[in-house]
């Protein structure tokens, strides 16, 4: 059952991150002189944020389980 909670949390986070509307049009990005890998770096940074969120949620779940078993 604990695995189901993590799975639901992961799916919700993926949907939240993928549906964010902070993307600007490609024409605006090219005029600012951004480097070629900026989008990949941005995606990597978001993935790290999601990873940290998942780790915190997993730790919270573990703490809840530990507290309930005492």
Protein backbone atom coordinates (compact mmCIF):
# COMPACT_ATOMS: atom_id res chain seq x y z
CA UNK A 1 0.00 0.00 0.00
CA UNK A 2 2.89 2.34 0.72
CA UNK A 3 4.15 1.84 -2.83
CA UNK A 4 0.79 2.93 -4.21
CA UNK A 5 1.01 6.22 -2.33
CA UNK A 6 4.45 6.93 -3.74
CA UNK A 7 3.28 6.02 -7.24
CA UNK A 8 0.29 8.38 -7.00
CA UNK A 9 2.54 11.14 -5.65
CA UNK A 10 5.04 10.61 -8.47
CA UNK A 11 2.33 10.76 -11.14
CA UNK A 12 0.87 13.92 -9.61
CA UNK A 13 4.29 15.58 -9.54
CA UNK A 14 5.00 14.63 -13.16
CA UNK A 15 1.68 16.10 -14.25
CA UNK A 16 2.28 19.23 -12.23
CA UNK A 17 5.72 19.81 -13.70
CA UNK A 18 4.72 18.95 -17.25
CA UNK A 19 1.68 21.24 -17.20
CA UNK A 20 3.44 24.33 -15.91
CA UNK A 21 2.92 27.28 -18.24
CA UNK A 22 6.25 29.03 -17.73
CA UNK A 23 7.55 28.22 -21.20
CA UNK A 24 8.19 31.18 -23.44
CA UNK A 25 7.95 31.06 -27.26
CA UNK A 26 11.02 29.82 -29.10
CA UNK A 27 11.39 33.09 -30.98
CA UNK A 28 11.89 34.97 -27.68
CA UNK A 29 14.54 32.53 -26.50
CA UNK A 30 16.62 32.79 -29.67
CA UNK A 31 16.83 36.60 -29.55
CA UNK A 32 18.31 36.60 -26.04
CA UNK A 33 21.38 34.59 -27.07
CA UNK A 34 20.74 31.59 -24.83
CA UNK A 35 23.11 28.68 -25.13
CA UNK A 36 22.14 25.54 -26.98
CA UNK A 37 21.73 23.35 -23.90
CA UNK A 38 19.65 25.75 -21.81
CA UNK A 39 16.44 23.72 -22.19
CA UNK A 40 18.25 20.52 -21.22
CA UNK A 41 19.82 22.18 -18.19
CA UNK A 42 16.43 23.55 -17.18
CA UNK A 43 14.85 20.10 -17.49
CA UNK A 44 17.69 18.58 -15.46
CA UNK A 45 17.20 21.17 -12.72
CA UNK A 46 13.46 20.48 -12.61
CA UNK A 47 14.18 16.75 -12.40
CA UNK A 48 16.44 17.39 -9.41
CA UNK A 49 13.70 19.40 -7.73
CA UNK A 50 11.21 16.58 -8.30
CA UNK A 51 13.74 14.08 -6.98
CA UNK A 52 14.16 16.13 -3.80
CA UNK A 53 10.40 16.43 -3.39
CA UNK A 54 10.02 12.66 -3.76
CA UNK A 55 12.80 12.02 -1.25
CA UNK A 56 11.12 14.33 1.27
CA UNK A 57 7.76 12.63 0.70
CA UNK A 58 9.32 9.19 1.10
CA UNK A 59 11.03 10.28 4.32
CA UNK A 60 7.75 11.67 5.63
CA UNK A 61 5.99 8.38 4.80
CA UNK A 62 8.73 6.42 6.54
CA UNK A 63 8.44 8.64 9.62
CA UNK A 64 4.65 8.20 9.65
CA UNK A 65 4.99 4.42 9.41
CA UNK A 66 7.61 4.39 12.15
CA UNK A 67 5.44 6.53 14.41
CA UNK A 68 2.40 4.29 13.81
CA UNK A 69 4.34 1.12 14.66
CA UNK A 70 5.54 2.43 18.01
